Amino acid sequence: MANYLNDHFTGERALFKISDAYIESCLFDDGESPLKEGTNLDVVHCTFGYKYPLWYGEGIQVVDSFFQPLSRAGVWYTKNAAFRRCQFDAPKLFRKCENLQISDAEFTDAAETLWWNVGVKIDTAIVNKGDYFGMRCKNVVIDHLDLQGNYAFDGCENLVITNSVLRTKDAFWNCKNVRVENSFIEGEYFGWNSEDVTLVHCEIHSHQGFCYMKNVKLVDCRLVDTDLAFEYCSDIDAEILTDVTSIKNPISGKITCKNVGDIIFDDPEIDPKGTTIIHE
């Protein structure tokens, strides 16, 4: 195995197609794609200062490393990669990757990050400025995510999130097979156009949330400041522990809650008998 210690690499493709290497305390800057096509790499305490550092790689572990703001679009088309205790200050990271693991990470500018990946595991991450975070990923498991940024997880399939805090409007749109447990979600228009969505022991704050959905299930959830909910939503199974400000035009299912401020049926094509609403 080749060893690179305390080196400063500049220029385009500085270590192009390198394989079976241990790289520690190195700086990569002033040149694109330094580790493009790399395989079987252990990267420790390194700093990436310019674009596209880890494209088309395979079998990569990156630990205690720093991706500076200009290292945008840093990890694309890479397979079997793990990132531990890293800080990411650049947008558009992690696209079209397979079998990706991220743990104990901080993203300070996560705009348009984590797109079109298959097989993602995230364990403990803080994500800021995360607009469009996690778009169209498949087979994702996330625990202890603290996310701030709108339009998260648009178009995802097979997504599990636990023990997380999500401040994001328009979250979980166009999704299939989502399960969220023991989490806090704050944002307008939750979950439109999605199907097979289950929330367990969650607190949700959402204006006009849960609309145009199919097969949505809430178990022991709290809906706080949530109004105009469940419009054009079918196959609802909602067990809500709080008041709901208003429910509008649900198509079918059962909603149980503490109380409802208003129940609105103003679409003549919707039969109110299709939905059972039980409240005090």
Protein backbone atom coordinates (compact mmCIF):
# COMPACT_ATOMS: atom_id res chain seq x y z
CA MET A 1 0.00 0.00 0.00
CA ALA A 2 1.35 3.42 -0.98
CA ASN A 3 1.57 6.06 1.76
CA TYR A 4 1.20 9.82 1.35
CA LEU A 5 1.83 11.89 4.48
CA ASN A 6 1.79 15.68 4.94
CA ASP A 7 1.85 16.40 1.21
CA HIS A 8 0.42 19.35 -0.71
CA PHE A 9 -1.06 18.40 -4.07
CA THR A 10 -1.97 20.92 -6.76
CA GLY A 11 -2.90 20.69 -10.40
CA GLU A 12 -5.63 18.77 -12.15
CA ARG A 13 -5.92 15.03 -11.39
CA ALA A 14 -2.98 15.09 -8.97
CA LEU A 15 -3.38 11.43 -7.96
CA PHE A 16 -5.55 10.21 -10.83
CA LYS A 17 -6.53 6.53 -10.71
CA ILE A 18 -4.51 5.88 -7.57
CA SER A 19 -5.33 2.61 -5.82
CA ASP A 20 -4.50 0.86 -2.54
CA ALA A 21 -3.22 4.00 -0.82
CA TYR A 22 -3.15 5.49 2.66
CA ILE A 23 -3.34 9.30 2.54
CA GLU A 24 -2.93 11.31 5.75
CA SER A 25 -2.72 15.03 6.57
CA CYS A 26 -2.58 16.10 2.94
CA LEU A 27 -3.93 19.23 1.26
CA PHE A 28 -5.51 19.05 -2.19
CA ASP A 29 -6.19 22.42 -3.82
CA ASP A 30 -5.70 24.55 -6.93
CA GLY A 31 -6.64 21.70 -9.24
CA GLU A 32 -9.76 19.72 -10.12
CA SER A 33 -10.39 16.01 -9.58
CA PRO A 34 -7.31 15.09 -7.51
CA LEU A 35 -8.51 11.58 -6.56
CA LYS A 36 -10.73 10.83 -9.55
CA GLU A 37 -11.09 7.11 -10.32
CA GLY A 38 -9.39 6.22 -7.03
CA THR A 39 -9.93 2.76 -5.52
CA ASN A 40 -9.31 1.28 -2.08
CA LEU A 41 -8.25 4.52 -0.42
CA ASP A 42 -7.94 5.41 3.28
CA VAL A 43 -8.02 9.20 3.62
CA VAL A 44 -7.37 10.64 7.09
CA HIS A 45 -7.07 14.25 8.30
CA CYS A 46 -7.04 15.65 4.77
CA THR A 47 -8.33 18.93 3.36
CA PHE A 48 -9.96 19.31 -0.03
CA GLY A 49 -9.91 22.85 -1.36
CA TYR A 50 -11.13 22.59 -4.93
CA LYS A 51 -13.74 20.98 -7.17
CA TYR A 52 -14.58 17.34 -7.81
CA PRO A 53 -12.09 15.65 -5.46
CA LEU A 54 -13.67 12.17 -5.32
CA TRP A 55 -15.43 11.21 -8.54
CA TYR A 56 -15.87 7.67 -9.88
CA GLY A 57 -14.17 6.13 -6.86
CA GLU A 58 -14.72 2.78 -5.18
CA GLY A 59 -13.81 1.40 -1.76
CA ILE A 60 -13.02 4.73 -0.11
CA GLN A 61 -12.90 5.67 3.58
CA VAL A 62 -12.55 9.33 4.56
CA VAL A 63 -12.07 10.17 8.25
CA ASP A 64 -11.63 13.47 10.13
CA SER A 65 -11.36 15.47 6.93
CA PHE A 66 -12.49 18.87 5.70
CA PHE A 67 -14.18 19.83 2.43
CA GLN A 68 -13.72 23.56 1.94
CA PRO A 69 -16.31 25.78 0.18
CA LEU A 70 -14.65 25.48 -3.24
CA SER A 71 -14.69 21.68 -3.14
CA ARG A 72 -18.22 21.78 -4.56
CA ALA A 73 -19.69 18.74 -6.28
CA GLY A 74 -17.11 16.78 -4.34
CA VAL A 75 -18.26 13.15 -4.38
CA TRP A 76 -20.15 11.90 -7.44
CA TYR A 77 -20.52 8.47 -9.07
CA THR A 78 -18.65 6.76 -6.23
CA LYS A 79 -19.36 3.27 -4.83
CA ASN A 80 -18.84 1.75 -1.39
CA ALA A 81 -17.62 4.88 0.38
CA ALA A 82 -17.70 5.83 4.07
CA PHE A 83 -17.21 9.30 5.59
CA ARG A 84 -16.71 9.68 9.36
CA ARG A 85 -16.28 12.86 11.41
CA CYS A 86 -16.00 15.09 8.35
CA GLN A 87 -17.01 18.70 7.83
CA PHE A 88 -18.54 19.68 4.51
CA ASP A 89 -18.63 23.40 3.68
CA ALA A 90 -19.37 22.96 -0.03
CA PRO A 91 -22.70 22.45 -1.84
CA LYS A 92 -23.77 19.74 -4.27
CA LEU A 93 -21.92 16.91 -2.56
CA PHE A 94 -22.80 13.21 -2.92
CA ARG A 95 -24.64 12.53 -6.17
CA LYS A 96 -25.23 9.27 -8.03
CA CYS A 97 -23.34 7.28 -5.40
CA GLU A 98 -24.00 3.68 -4.36
CA ASN A 99 -23.61 2.21 -0.87
CA LEU A 100 -22.73 5.44 0.89
CA GLN A 101 -22.19 5.81 4.66
CA ILE A 102 -21.97 9.14 6.48
CA SER A 103 -21.54 9.44 10.25
CA ASP A 104 -20.85 12.24 12.74
CA ALA A 105 -20.87 14.81 9.95
CA GLU A 106 -21.52 18.53 9.72
CA PHE A 107 -22.73 20.24 6.55
CA THR A 108 -22.56 24.02 6.72
CA ASP A 109 -23.79 24.60 3.14
CA ALA A 110 -25.74 21.58 1.96
CA ALA A 111 -27.65 23.11 -0.95
CA GLU A 112 -28.58 20.52 -3.56
CA THR A 113 -26.70 17.82 -1.67
CA LEU A 114 -27.28 14.05 -1.62
CA TRP A 115 -29.07 13.58 -4.95
CA TRP A 116 -29.90 10.37 -6.85
CA ASN A 117 -27.99 8.01 -4.55
CA VAL A 118 -28.87 4.35 -3.97
CA GLY A 119 -28.14 2.72 -0.64
CA VAL A 120 -27.44 5.48 1.91
CA LYS A 121 -26.90 5.24 5.65
CA ILE A 122 -26.53 8.41 7.74
CA ASP A 123 -25.84 8.19 11.48
CA THR A 124 -25.70 11.58 13.22
CA ALA A 125 -25.43 14.62 10.97
CA ILE A 126 -26.06 18.35 11.25
CA VAL A 127 -27.21 19.87 7.96
CA ASN A 128 -27.56 23.63 7.38
CA LYS A 129 -28.65 25.53 4.26
CA GLY A 130 -29.93 22.19 2.99
CA ASP A 131 -32.41 23.21 0.31
CA TYR A 132 -33.33 20.17 -1.81
CA PHE A 133 -31.35 17.85 0.47
CA GLY A 134 -31.70 14.15 -0.35
CA MET A 135 -33.58 14.40 -3.64
CA ARG A 136 -34.58 11.16 -5.42
CA CYS A 137 -32.52 8.82 -3.30
CA LYS A 138 -33.48 5.17 -2.83
CA ASN A 139 -32.97 2.75 0.06
CA VAL A 140 -32.00 5.30 2.71
CA VAL A 141 -31.70 4.82 6.49
CA ILE A 142 -31.10 7.92 8.64
CA ASP A 143 -30.76 8.30 12.41
CA HIS A 144 -30.19 11.53 14.36
CA LEU A 145 -30.35 14.04 11.54
CA ASP A 146 -30.69 17.75 12.36
CA LEU A 147 -31.72 19.39 9.10
CA GLN A 148 -32.49 22.98 8.19
CA GLY A 149 -33.38 23.59 4.56
CA ASN A 150 -36.48 23.41 2.41
CA TYR A 151 -37.79 20.81 -0.07
CA ALA A 152 -36.02 17.88 1.59
CA PHE A 153 -36.24 14.31 0.30
CA ASP A 154 -38.28 15.07 -2.82
CA GLY A 155 -38.94 11.93 -4.85
CA CYS A 156 -37.33 9.43 -2.47
CA GLU A 157 -38.18 5.73 -2.28
CA ASN A 158 -37.69 3.37 0.65
CA LEU A 159 -36.70 5.97 3.23
CA VAL A 160 -36.48 5.46 7.01
CA ILE A 161 -35.73 8.37 9.36
CA THR A 162 -35.55 8.10 13.17
CA ASN A 163 -34.77 10.43 16.09
CA SER A 164 -34.41 13.50 13.90
CA VAL A 165 -35.30 17.19 13.72
CA LEU A 166 -36.35 18.45 10.29
CA ARG A 167 -37.09 22.11 9.64
CA THR A 168 -38.09 21.99 6.02
CA LYS A 169 -41.15 23.06 4.09
CA ASP A 170 -42.40 20.95 1.19
CA ALA A 171 -40.69 17.91 2.70
CA PHE A 172 -41.26 14.37 1.41
CA TRP A 173 -43.02 15.33 -1.81
CA ASN A 174 -43.48 12.69 -4.54
CA CYS A 175 -42.16 9.91 -2.30
CA LYS A 176 -42.92 6.19 -2.03
CA ASN A 177 -42.55 4.05 1.08
CA VAL A 178 -41.43 6.44 3.83
CA ARG A 179 -41.28 5.75 7.55
CA VAL A 180 -40.42 8.45 10.12
CA GLU A 181 -40.21 7.68 13.85
CA ASN A 182 -39.63 9.73 17.00
CA SER A 183 -38.95 12.90 15.05
CA PHE A 184 -39.92 16.58 14.91
CA ILE A 185 -40.93 18.07 11.55
CA GLU A 186 -41.69 21.74 10.97
CA GLY A 187 -42.64 23.05 7.54
CA GLU A 188 -45.51 23.91 5.27
CA TYR A 189 -47.11 21.49 2.79
CA PHE A 190 -45.88 18.20 4.18
CA GLY A 191 -45.85 15.17 1.91
CA TRP A 192 -47.85 16.15 -1.15
CA ASN A 193 -48.23 13.54 -3.91
CA SER A 194 -46.63 10.78 -1.82
CA GLU A 195 -47.82 7.28 -1.01
CA ASP A 196 -47.21 4.66 1.66
CA VAL A 197 -46.04 7.14 4.30
CA THR A 198 -45.99 6.17 8.00
CA LEU A 199 -45.15 8.47 10.92
CA VAL A 200 -44.79 7.05 14.43
CA HIS A 201 -44.43 9.15 17.61
CA CYS A 202 -43.74 12.33 15.62
CA GLU A 203 -44.63 15.98 16.06
CA ILE A 204 -45.52 17.81 12.85
CA HIS A 205 -46.17 21.51 12.31
CA SER A 206 -47.53 22.04 8.81
CA HIS A 207 -49.83 24.43 7.00
CA GLN A 208 -51.88 22.50 4.44
CA GLY A 209 -49.97 19.27 5.01
CA PHE A 210 -50.80 15.69 4.04
CA CYS A 211 -52.53 16.55 0.76
CA TYR A 212 -52.83 14.48 -2.41
CA MET A 213 -51.44 11.46 -0.57
CA LYS A 214 -52.31 7.76 -0.70
CA ASN A 215 -52.06 5.37 2.22
CA VAL A 216 -50.79 7.69 4.93
CA LYS A 217 -50.60 6.40 8.49
CA LEU A 218 -49.99 8.39 11.70
CA VAL A 219 -49.41 6.52 14.97
CA ASP A 220 -49.43 8.50 18.25
CA CYS A 221 -48.50 11.72 16.46
CA ARG A 222 -48.95 15.35 17.38
CA LEU A 223 -50.16 17.84 14.75
CA VAL A 224 -49.46 21.31 16.08
CA ASP A 225 -50.67 24.43 14.25
CA THR A 226 -51.70 22.17 11.37
CA ASP A 227 -54.55 23.37 9.20
CA LEU A 228 -56.31 22.42 5.95
CA ALA A 229 -54.89 18.95 6.38
CA PHE A 230 -55.57 15.77 4.37
CA GLU A 231 -57.10 17.42 1.29
CA TYR A 232 -57.57 14.87 -1.51
CA CYS A 233 -55.87 12.26 0.66
CA SER A 234 -57.07 8.65 0.46
CA ASP A 235 -56.65 5.58 2.66
CA ILE A 236 -55.89 7.65 5.75
CA ASP A 237 -55.22 5.93 9.08
CA ALA A 238 -54.38 8.77 11.46
CA GLU A 239 -54.15 8.54 15.24
CA ILE A 240 -53.52 12.11 16.40
CA LEU A 241 -52.96 13.02 20.04
CA THR A 242 -53.63 16.77 19.67
CA ASP A 243 -56.18 19.17 18.27
CA VAL A 244 -56.13 19.77 14.52
CA THR A 245 -56.85 23.31 13.38
CA SER A 246 -58.78 22.18 10.33
CA ILE A 247 -59.33 19.18 8.04
CA LYS A 248 -60.32 19.74 4.43
CA ASN A 249 -61.72 17.43 1.75
CA PRO A 250 -60.25 14.07 2.73
CA ILE A 251 -61.26 11.31 0.30
CA SER A 252 -61.22 8.17 2.45
CA GLY A 253 -59.99 6.63 5.68
CA LYS A 254 -60.14 7.28 9.40
CA ILE A 255 -58.88 10.24 11.43
CA THR A 256 -58.90 10.21 15.21
CA CYS A 257 -57.86 13.35 17.08
CA LYS A 258 -58.51 15.27 20.26
CA ASN A 259 -60.52 18.00 18.59
CA VAL A 260 -60.97 19.71 15.21
CA GLY A 261 -61.45 23.43 14.76
CA ASP A 262 -63.10 23.09 11.34
CA ILE A 263 -64.07 20.18 9.10
CA ILE A 264 -64.42 21.50 5.57
CA PHE A 265 -66.08 19.71 2.67
CA ASP A 266 -66.46 22.22 -0.14
CA ASP A 267 -65.78 19.96 -3.14
CA PRO A 268 -69.04 18.40 -4.34
CA GLU A 269 -67.15 15.45 -5.81
CA ILE A 270 -65.94 14.37 -2.36
CA ASP A 271 -68.33 12.22 -0.31
CA PRO A 272 -67.93 13.15 3.38
CA LYS A 273 -69.03 9.61 4.28
CA GLY A 274 -65.83 8.24 2.80
CA THR A 275 -63.82 9.43 5.81
CA THR A 276 -64.56 8.72 9.47
CA ILE A 277 -63.45 11.62 11.67
CA ILE A 278 -63.55 10.90 15.42
CA HIS A 279 -62.94 13.69 17.91
CA GLU A 280 -64.14 14.95 21.26
